Amino acid sequence: MYFLLSGEGPTDIGTCADGSLACGGTAFLHGPMSAIVDRLVERKHHYSILDFEACGFISEGGLAQRAAELKSVKKSARLPGKKRGKETRYYFNNARVMARIAREREEQRKEPVVAVLFRDSDWTASAGRGLWNEKRESILDGFEEERFERGVPMVPKPKSEAWLLCALRRPRYANCDALEDESGNDRSPNSLKKQLAPHIGERPVRETLVHMVVNGIVDVDRINMPSFREFRQRLEDVIE
């Protein structure tokens, strides 16, 4: 089983060492959200997708480049009754492109591919993007549109820092649901990024955040908040 991962930047899913839009192997500099995926897969299948290089990465920009091909799809092929605004269409189309690339990888590798699409749901910083559930459902609809059954939305509420803060703030892993009601605006005086910094002693950077997941400082088995549970359940269902 191979995993195709897509995110928004180095401090969530990761990035390519040379700045490429897509990469794998040692060229993929994985972020903390990829490390979380790795730990959850290891719980079920007892191997690391990162150590065994059983994963690849495509950036948000890489998906955007491929999205132009969707314009040629006939409207009659789309799911009936699915009306979506401009922003939920963005999530929907991201998932469709991700599904197509995953299928290409399956043909190349001759093995099943799981597609994990990470997107923050930071509604405050992205005005008009709709509610968390609408965004997550749009990703699921996009995978369904392409008849791809191994698609996993990874949509923290409001963003990935909330999941990490659940593990790091005091008391640890307690009252984490309240974090989902925090602002997703990085310019906010009490933004989640600013809240995270004191708990790690420095500005949150990819290497430090990955270290915290890999070394169990952020324990994926103890994070218990609605958006994380939805992600984990979907991932576990798919990899079963």
Protein backbone atom coordinates (compact mmCIF):
# COMPACT_ATOMS: atom_id res chain seq x y z
CA MET A 1 0.00 0.00 0.00
CA TYR A 2 1.29 3.43 -1.03
CA PHE A 3 0.25 6.83 0.34
CA LEU A 4 -0.11 10.01 -1.68
CA LEU A 5 -0.11 13.10 0.55
CA SER A 6 -0.98 16.71 -0.22
CA GLY A 7 -0.91 19.75 2.04
CA GLU A 8 -0.56 23.50 2.16
CA GLY A 9 2.99 23.97 3.45
CA PRO A 10 6.09 22.65 5.23
CA THR A 11 4.59 22.82 8.74
CA ASP A 12 1.64 20.59 7.89
CA ILE A 13 2.19 17.78 5.34
CA GLY A 14 5.65 18.92 4.24
CA THR A 15 7.50 20.04 1.14
CA CYS A 16 10.00 18.94 -1.50
CA ALA A 17 13.68 19.49 -0.76
CA ASP A 18 14.27 21.14 -4.13
CA GLY A 19 11.02 23.11 -4.21
CA SER A 20 9.40 20.80 -6.75
CA LEU A 21 5.62 20.52 -6.94
CA ALA A 22 5.78 16.75 -6.40
CA CYS A 23 8.35 14.35 -4.97
CA GLY A 24 8.94 11.16 -3.02
CA GLY A 25 11.67 9.25 -1.24
CA THR A 26 14.40 11.30 0.41
CA ALA A 27 13.35 14.39 -1.56
CA PHE A 28 10.16 14.56 0.50
CA LEU A 29 10.71 16.59 3.66
CA HIS A 30 7.72 15.45 5.66
CA GLY A 31 5.85 17.65 8.11
CA PRO A 32 4.08 16.88 11.40
CA MET A 33 0.78 15.95 9.75
CA SER A 34 2.57 13.36 7.62
CA ALA A 35 4.20 12.05 10.79
CA ILE A 36 0.72 11.73 12.33
CA VAL A 37 -0.46 9.73 9.31
CA ASP A 38 2.64 7.57 9.65
CA ARG A 39 2.02 6.83 13.33
CA LEU A 40 -1.62 5.89 12.72
CA VAL A 41 -0.74 3.58 9.83
CA GLU A 42 1.99 2.00 11.95
CA ARG A 43 -0.58 1.28 14.67
CA LYS A 44 -2.55 -0.83 12.19
CA HIS A 45 0.08 -2.34 9.93
CA HIS A 46 3.30 -2.28 12.01
CA TYR A 47 5.50 -0.47 9.50
CA SER A 48 6.44 3.14 8.82
CA ILE A 49 5.39 4.57 5.47
CA LEU A 50 8.10 7.21 5.93
CA ASP A 51 10.92 4.82 6.79
CA PHE A 52 10.00 2.49 3.93
CA GLU A 53 9.42 5.41 1.53
CA ALA A 54 5.91 4.13 0.87
CA CYS A 55 4.58 7.63 0.31
CA GLY A 56 4.80 10.54 -2.09
CA PHE A 57 3.89 14.21 -1.99
CA ILE A 58 2.13 16.65 -4.28
CA SER A 59 1.82 20.30 -3.33
CA GLU A 60 -1.24 22.50 -3.45
CA GLY A 61 0.35 24.18 -6.47
CA GLY A 62 0.86 20.81 -8.12
CA LEU A 63 -2.83 20.02 -7.77
CA ALA A 64 -3.71 23.44 -9.18
CA GLN A 65 -1.66 22.73 -12.29
CA ARG A 66 -3.61 19.56 -12.92
CA ALA A 67 -6.99 21.11 -12.12
CA ALA A 68 -7.33 22.63 -15.59
CA GLU A 69 -8.16 19.18 -16.98
CA LEU A 70 -11.40 19.17 -14.98
CA LYS A 71 -12.83 21.85 -17.25
CA SER A 72 -13.13 19.28 -20.00
CA VAL A 73 -15.36 16.97 -17.92
CA LYS A 74 -18.96 16.96 -19.10
CA LYS A 75 -21.44 18.32 -16.61
CA SER A 76 -23.60 15.25 -17.08
CA ALA A 77 -20.90 13.17 -15.41
CA ARG A 78 -21.15 15.07 -12.14
CA LEU A 79 -23.14 13.98 -9.13
CA PRO A 80 -26.76 15.18 -9.22
CA GLY A 81 -27.94 17.69 -6.67
CA LYS A 82 -24.45 18.76 -5.61
CA LYS A 83 -24.47 22.54 -5.64
CA ARG A 84 -21.42 24.20 -4.18
CA GLY A 85 -20.05 27.70 -3.87
CA LYS A 86 -16.75 28.91 -5.18
CA GLU A 87 -14.80 27.87 -2.10
CA THR A 88 -16.28 24.42 -1.54
CA ARG A 89 -15.74 23.81 -5.26
CA TYR A 90 -12.04 24.39 -4.59
CA TYR A 91 -12.00 21.51 -2.09
CA PHE A 92 -14.15 19.36 -4.38
CA ASN A 93 -11.83 19.86 -7.36
CA ASN A 94 -8.69 19.34 -5.26
CA ALA A 95 -10.02 15.93 -4.26
CA ARG A 96 -10.93 15.04 -7.84
CA VAL A 97 -7.43 15.86 -9.10
CA MET A 98 -5.90 14.01 -6.15
CA ALA A 99 -7.96 10.94 -7.01
CA ARG A 100 -6.78 11.02 -10.63
CA ILE A 101 -3.13 11.29 -9.64
CA ALA A 102 -3.59 8.47 -7.12
CA ARG A 103 -4.98 6.25 -9.87
CA GLU A 104 -1.98 7.02 -12.05
CA ARG A 105 0.30 5.99 -9.19
CA GLU A 106 -1.66 2.77 -8.78
CA GLU A 107 -1.09 1.91 -12.43
CA GLN A 108 2.60 2.75 -12.17
CA ARG A 109 3.21 0.91 -8.91
CA LYS A 110 0.73 -1.96 -9.32
CA GLU A 111 -0.51 -1.55 -5.76
CA PRO A 112 -3.34 0.28 -3.94
CA VAL A 113 -2.82 3.97 -3.23
CA VAL A 114 -4.38 5.90 -0.34
CA ALA A 115 -4.81 9.64 -0.98
CA VAL A 116 -4.65 11.93 2.08
CA LEU A 117 -5.70 15.49 1.29
CA PHE A 118 -4.83 17.99 4.02
CA ARG A 119 -6.51 21.38 4.08
CA ASP A 120 -6.89 23.75 7.01
CA SER A 121 -10.48 24.88 7.55
CA ASP A 122 -9.40 28.31 8.86
CA TRP A 123 -12.66 30.07 8.09
CA THR A 124 -11.60 33.37 9.62
CA ALA A 125 -8.45 33.66 7.54
CA SER A 126 -10.35 32.48 4.45
CA ALA A 127 -13.61 34.37 4.59
CA GLY A 128 -16.41 32.78 2.63
CA ARG A 129 -14.99 29.28 2.61
CA GLY A 130 -17.95 27.82 4.43
CA LEU A 131 -18.15 25.68 7.52
CA TRP A 132 -15.79 22.86 8.45
CA ASN A 133 -18.27 20.11 7.67
CA GLU A 134 -19.05 21.55 4.23
CA LYS A 135 -15.37 21.58 3.34
CA ARG A 136 -14.80 18.04 4.54
CA GLU A 137 -17.90 16.80 2.71
CA SER A 138 -16.75 18.57 -0.45
CA ILE A 139 -13.50 16.60 -0.33
CA LEU A 140 -15.41 13.34 0.14
CA ASP A 141 -17.72 14.31 -2.72
CA GLY A 142 -14.72 14.98 -4.95
CA PHE A 143 -13.28 11.54 -4.26
CA GLU A 144 -16.70 10.00 -4.84
CA GLU A 145 -17.09 11.88 -8.11
CA GLU A 146 -13.96 10.12 -9.37
CA ARG A 147 -15.16 6.81 -7.89
CA PHE A 148 -12.03 6.67 -5.76
CA GLU A 149 -12.68 4.83 -2.50
CA ARG A 150 -9.36 5.35 -0.73
CA GLY A 151 -9.54 9.13 -0.28
CA VAL A 152 -9.03 10.61 3.19
CA PRO A 153 -9.84 14.24 4.11
CA MET A 154 -7.45 15.58 6.75
CA VAL A 155 -9.20 18.79 7.80
CA PRO A 156 -8.28 20.14 11.24
CA LYS A 157 -10.67 22.63 12.80
CA PRO A 158 -9.72 25.38 12.48
CA LYS A 159 -6.13 24.38 11.59
CA SER A 160 -3.36 21.92 12.39
CA GLU A 161 -1.99 23.94 15.30
CA ALA A 162 -5.16 23.07 17.23
CA TRP A 163 -4.31 19.36 17.14
CA LEU A 164 -0.75 20.04 18.30
CA LEU A 165 -1.87 22.41 21.04
CA CYS A 166 -4.20 19.71 22.38
CA ALA A 167 -1.09 17.67 23.16
CA LEU A 168 1.20 20.46 24.35
CA ARG A 169 -0.78 22.94 26.42
CA ARG A 170 -1.60 22.35 30.09
CA PRO A 171 -3.41 20.29 31.15
CA ARG A 172 -2.32 18.10 28.25
CA TYR A 173 -5.06 16.48 26.12
CA ALA A 174 -7.78 18.09 28.26
CA ASN A 175 -10.67 20.27 27.08
CA CYS A 176 -9.40 20.14 23.51
CA ASP A 177 -12.81 20.58 21.89
CA ALA A 178 -12.65 24.29 22.80
CA LEU A 179 -9.63 24.71 20.51
CA GLU A 180 -11.88 24.05 17.52
CA ASP A 181 -13.73 27.30 18.27
CA GLU A 182 -10.55 29.39 18.16
CA SER A 183 -9.86 31.79 15.30
CA GLY A 184 -7.98 30.39 12.33
CA ASN A 185 -6.62 33.84 11.49
CA ASP A 186 -2.83 33.94 11.85
CA ARG A 187 -3.04 37.74 12.23
CA SER A 188 -5.22 37.42 15.31
CA PRO A 189 -3.53 38.69 18.53
CA ASN A 190 -4.07 35.25 20.07
CA SER A 191 -3.67 33.13 16.96
CA LEU A 192 -3.08 29.41 17.31
CA LYS A 193 0.41 29.82 15.88
CA LYS A 194 1.22 32.36 18.59
CA GLN A 195 -0.25 30.09 21.25
CA LEU A 196 1.88 27.20 20.02
CA ALA A 197 5.24 28.99 20.11
CA PRO A 198 5.67 29.15 23.93
CA HIS A 199 5.06 25.41 24.21
CA ILE A 200 7.94 24.56 21.91
CA GLY A 201 10.25 27.38 22.95
CA GLU A 202 10.66 28.81 19.47
CA ARG A 203 8.82 29.71 16.31
CA PRO A 204 7.01 26.59 15.05
CA VAL A 205 9.17 25.11 12.29
CA ARG A 206 8.82 21.84 10.41
CA GLU A 207 11.75 20.01 12.01
CA THR A 208 10.71 20.80 15.58
CA LEU A 209 7.08 19.84 15.03
CA VAL A 210 8.04 16.57 13.34
CA HIS A 211 10.37 15.74 16.24
CA MET A 212 7.50 16.16 18.69
CA VAL A 213 5.28 13.70 16.83
CA VAL A 214 8.00 11.15 16.08
CA ASN A 215 9.20 11.12 19.68
CA GLY A 216 5.74 10.85 21.20
CA ILE A 217 5.66 14.32 22.74
CA VAL A 218 2.53 14.67 20.64
CA ASP A 219 0.77 11.34 21.28
CA VAL A 220 -1.70 10.59 18.48
CA ASP A 221 -3.52 8.08 20.68
CA ARG A 222 -4.46 10.77 23.18
CA ILE A 223 -5.69 13.51 20.85
CA ASN A 224 -9.45 13.43 21.23
CA MET A 225 -11.27 16.23 19.45
CA PRO A 226 -14.03 16.04 16.82
CA SER A 227 -12.06 16.96 13.68
CA PHE A 228 -9.20 14.62 14.63
CA ARG A 229 -11.58 11.74 15.37
CA GLU A 230 -13.25 12.17 11.97
CA PHE A 231 -9.89 12.10 10.21
CA ARG A 232 -8.59 9.12 12.17
CA GLN A 233 -11.74 7.07 11.68
CA ARG A 234 -11.74 7.65 7.93
CA LEU A 235 -8.05 6.77 7.64
CA GLU A 236 -8.46 3.60 9.66
CA ASP A 237 -11.51 2.55 7.65
CA VAL A 238 -9.61 3.03 4.39
CA ILE A 239 -6.46 1.17 5.41
CA GLU A 240 -8.39 -1.78 6.83
